[in-house]
Amino acid sequence: MRNAEEATLQSPGSEQVEARLADRLAQLRVERGWSLEELAQRTGVSRSTLSRLERMEISPTAAMLGKLCAAYGRTMSQLLAEAEAEPPQTVRADRQVVWRDETSGFTRRSVSPPHPGLRGEIVEGVLRPGADISYDGPPVPGLEQHIWVLEGVLEVTTGGGVHEIRAGDCLRFRLWDRSRFHCPGPDPVRYALMIVLP
């Protein structure tokens, strides 16, 4: 049974999407011929947690999903899109997949889900005050990111530097190593993240 501290997908048919996400994670592991133990070694996520994740007993946190995406060489949007049906050209606001990680205070909306023939996508992120999320590495080395803050203040650590970006500011970079997103407050931060595959 899920509790309020776990991440959830919120969209029409979200339970079906969560089931497809769990199934897709299991498929990716099997496609690579990895045991749960080997995936645990690659990600630093325990074998029992990975097993529960694949059986849909729990939902992944943002940090955990980041580790799995890095192991599978996918962006978070790509992975979530693979759990969806064939994406349409026009994505209505009420059909966009919303994923919430209550533990870290992160809400992620796939505004323009990835498509196999396209390299770019747009994500809306919201972090509550004090939220702090670290990623061990990029899902795809050299991933291009543009972060445009719409409301509030966001601190992004990448390439060894800390960048404070405020409403209207845009930070752009290629992601090669660890990264961190922090909302110093006092208000939540809302931002658009444009991702371009290398």
Protein backbone atom coordinates (compact mmCIF):
# COMPACT_ATOMS: atom_id res chain seq x y z
CA MET A 1 0.00 0.00 0.00
CA ARG A 2 1.31 3.46 -0.91
CA ASN A 3 1.68 6.26 1.60
CA ALA A 4 1.87 10.04 1.27
CA GLU A 5 5.68 9.98 1.26
CA GLU A 6 5.92 8.21 -2.09
CA ALA A 7 5.87 9.63 -5.58
CA THR A 8 2.75 9.47 -7.71
CA LEU A 9 1.77 10.00 -11.30
CA GLN A 10 -1.31 12.16 -11.75
CA SER A 11 -2.98 12.12 -15.11
CA PRO A 12 -6.03 10.52 -16.68
CA GLY A 13 -5.59 6.78 -16.08
CA SER A 14 -2.62 7.42 -13.76
CA GLU A 15 -2.90 3.99 -12.12
CA GLN A 16 -2.57 2.42 -15.56
CA VAL A 17 0.43 4.66 -16.29
CA GLU A 18 2.06 3.63 -12.99
CA ALA A 19 1.49 -0.03 -13.86
CA ARG A 20 3.01 0.52 -17.33
CA LEU A 21 5.97 2.37 -15.78
CA ALA A 22 6.65 -0.54 -13.41
CA ASP A 23 6.33 -2.95 -16.34
CA ARG A 24 8.64 -0.84 -18.51
CA LEU A 25 11.29 -0.71 -15.78
CA ALA A 26 11.17 -4.50 -15.53
CA GLN A 27 11.37 -4.83 -19.35
CA LEU A 28 14.42 -2.57 -19.55
CA ARG A 29 16.23 -4.64 -16.94
CA VAL A 30 15.38 -7.91 -18.69
CA GLU A 31 16.33 -6.50 -22.13
CA ARG A 32 19.82 -5.85 -20.78
CA GLY A 33 20.05 -9.26 -19.15
CA TRP A 34 20.58 -7.70 -15.71
CA SER A 35 19.55 -9.37 -12.47
CA LEU A 36 18.01 -7.24 -9.74
CA GLU A 37 21.34 -7.57 -7.92
CA GLU A 38 23.28 -6.20 -10.92
CA LEU A 39 20.84 -3.28 -11.32
CA ALA A 40 21.19 -2.58 -7.59
CA GLN A 41 24.98 -2.37 -8.00
CA ARG A 42 24.64 -0.04 -11.01
CA THR A 43 22.18 2.32 -9.33
CA GLY A 44 22.87 2.14 -5.60
CA VAL A 45 19.17 1.31 -5.06
CA SER A 46 18.61 -1.81 -2.96
CA ARG A 47 17.56 -5.06 -4.61
CA SER A 48 14.41 -5.26 -2.45
CA THR A 49 13.39 -1.69 -3.38
CA LEU A 50 13.89 -2.44 -7.09
CA SER A 51 11.82 -5.60 -6.75
CA ARG A 52 8.98 -3.72 -5.02
CA LEU A 53 9.20 -1.02 -7.68
CA GLU A 54 8.81 -3.52 -10.53
CA ARG A 55 5.86 -5.15 -8.73
CA MET A 56 4.21 -1.69 -8.32
CA GLU A 57 4.24 -1.91 -4.55
CA ILE A 58 5.99 1.48 -4.37
CA SER A 59 6.58 4.40 -6.72
CA PRO A 60 10.05 5.81 -7.33
CA THR A 61 11.21 9.10 -5.82
CA ALA A 62 12.76 11.71 -8.13
CA ALA A 63 16.29 10.75 -7.04
CA MET A 64 15.60 7.03 -7.52
CA LEU A 65 14.05 7.58 -10.95
CA GLY A 66 17.10 9.69 -11.85
CA LYS A 67 19.41 6.79 -10.96
CA LEU A 68 17.33 4.34 -13.00
CA CYS A 69 17.24 6.71 -15.98
CA ALA A 70 21.03 7.06 -15.83
CA ALA A 71 21.44 3.26 -15.77
CA TYR A 72 19.13 2.88 -18.77
CA GLY A 73 20.47 5.92 -20.68
CA ARG A 74 17.11 7.70 -20.84
CA THR A 75 15.77 11.04 -19.69
CA MET A 76 12.97 10.96 -17.14
CA SER A 77 10.57 12.22 -19.81
CA GLN A 78 11.58 9.44 -22.20
CA LEU A 79 10.97 6.81 -19.56
CA LEU A 80 7.59 8.29 -18.58
CA ALA A 81 6.64 8.60 -22.27
CA GLU A 82 7.42 4.92 -22.80
CA ALA A 83 4.82 4.19 -20.12
CA GLU A 84 2.22 6.20 -22.06
CA ALA A 85 0.34 5.32 -25.20
CA GLU A 86 1.56 6.78 -28.54
CA PRO A 87 1.89 10.53 -27.89
CA PRO A 88 -0.27 12.85 -30.01
CA GLN A 89 1.08 15.95 -31.76
CA THR A 90 -1.05 18.26 -29.64
CA VAL A 91 -0.90 17.61 -25.92
CA ARG A 92 -3.84 19.21 -24.15
CA ALA A 93 -3.19 20.57 -20.65
CA ASP A 94 -5.60 18.09 -19.06
CA ARG A 95 -3.79 15.17 -20.76
CA GLN A 96 -0.25 16.08 -19.69
CA VAL A 97 1.31 13.61 -17.28
CA VAL A 98 1.95 15.07 -13.82
CA TRP A 99 4.31 13.24 -11.49
CA ARG A 100 4.64 14.20 -7.83
CA ASP A 101 7.35 13.26 -5.37
CA GLU A 102 5.93 14.34 -2.01
CA THR A 103 9.10 13.29 -0.18
CA SER A 104 11.33 15.76 -2.02
CA GLY A 105 8.65 18.39 -2.74
CA PHE A 106 8.93 18.10 -6.53
CA THR A 107 6.13 18.21 -9.10
CA ARG A 108 6.93 17.49 -12.76
CA ARG A 109 4.59 18.04 -15.72
CA SER A 110 5.49 16.60 -19.13
CA VAL A 111 4.33 19.54 -21.24
CA SER A 112 5.61 18.13 -24.54
CA PRO A 113 6.45 14.46 -24.08
CA PRO A 114 9.42 13.08 -26.03
CA HIS A 115 8.85 11.47 -29.39
CA PRO A 116 11.19 8.99 -31.10
CA GLY A 117 11.68 11.28 -34.12
CA LEU A 118 12.37 14.47 -32.12
CA ARG A 119 15.26 15.49 -29.87
CA GLY A 120 13.64 18.16 -27.69
CA GLU A 121 11.00 18.28 -24.99
CA ILE A 122 9.55 20.74 -22.47
CA VAL A 123 8.94 19.98 -18.80
CA GLU A 124 7.39 22.18 -16.12
CA GLY A 125 8.91 21.77 -12.67
CA VAL A 126 7.68 23.06 -9.32
CA LEU A 127 9.74 22.81 -6.11
CA ARG A 128 8.31 23.76 -2.73
CA PRO A 129 10.42 26.01 -0.46
CA GLY A 130 13.38 24.10 0.94
CA ALA A 131 13.13 21.30 -1.63
CA ASP A 132 16.55 19.95 -2.54
CA ILE A 133 17.09 17.24 -5.18
CA SER A 134 20.47 15.85 -6.22
CA TYR A 135 21.18 13.65 -9.24
CA ASP A 136 24.30 11.48 -9.40
CA GLY A 137 24.76 12.06 -13.11
CA PRO A 138 22.92 12.79 -16.35
CA PRO A 139 20.68 10.14 -17.89
CA VAL A 140 22.42 10.90 -21.18
CA PRO A 141 25.92 12.49 -21.05
CA GLY A 142 26.05 15.89 -22.76
CA LEU A 143 22.29 16.44 -22.42
CA GLU A 144 21.47 20.07 -23.25
CA GLN A 145 19.22 21.84 -20.75
CA HIS A 146 17.65 25.31 -20.70
CA ILE A 147 15.99 26.30 -17.41
CA TRP A 148 13.68 29.31 -17.56
CA VAL A 149 12.35 30.36 -14.15
CA LEU A 150 8.71 31.49 -14.34
CA GLU A 151 8.11 32.23 -10.64
CA GLY A 152 10.34 32.23 -7.57
CA VAL A 153 14.05 31.47 -7.18
CA LEU A 154 15.96 28.32 -8.15
CA GLU A 155 19.52 27.34 -7.28
CA VAL A 156 21.07 24.92 -9.77
CA THR A 157 24.42 23.30 -9.13
CA THR A 158 26.14 21.91 -12.21
CA GLY A 159 29.70 21.79 -13.48
CA GLY A 160 30.99 22.60 -10.00
CA GLY A 161 29.20 25.97 -9.88
CA VAL A 162 26.04 27.20 -8.16
CA HIS A 163 23.70 29.34 -10.28
CA GLU A 164 20.90 31.35 -8.70
CA ILE A 165 18.21 32.07 -11.26
CA ARG A 166 15.15 34.22 -10.65
CA ALA A 167 11.84 34.82 -12.45
CA GLY A 168 12.58 35.63 -16.08
CA ASP A 169 16.19 34.34 -15.96
CA CYS A 170 17.34 31.44 -18.12
CA LEU A 171 20.27 29.12 -17.42
CA ARG A 172 21.58 26.88 -20.20
CA PHE A 173 24.25 24.20 -20.10
CA ARG A 174 25.26 20.71 -21.16
CA LEU A 175 25.03 18.19 -18.37
CA TRP A 176 28.07 15.96 -17.92
CA ASP A 177 28.18 15.29 -14.18
CA ARG A 178 26.21 15.58 -10.95
CA SER A 179 23.51 18.22 -10.59
CA ARG A 180 21.37 19.67 -7.83
CA PHE A 181 18.12 21.65 -7.81
CA HIS A 182 17.25 23.65 -4.68
CA CYS A 183 14.43 26.06 -3.89
CA PRO A 184 15.74 28.48 -1.23
CA GLY A 185 12.25 29.96 -0.74
CA PRO A 186 10.45 31.71 0.74
CA ASP A 187 8.04 30.84 -2.10
CA PRO A 188 7.84 27.80 -4.36
CA VAL A 189 9.71 27.99 -7.66
CA ARG A 190 8.07 27.15 -11.00
CA TYR A 191 10.24 26.72 -14.06
CA ALA A 192 10.25 25.46 -17.62
CA LEU A 193 12.95 22.96 -18.48
CA MET A 194 13.81 22.52 -22.14
CA ILE A 195 15.74 19.30 -22.80
CA VAL A 196 17.59 18.58 -26.03
CA LEU A 197 19.24 15.22 -26.63
CA PRO A 198 22.85 15.38 -27.92
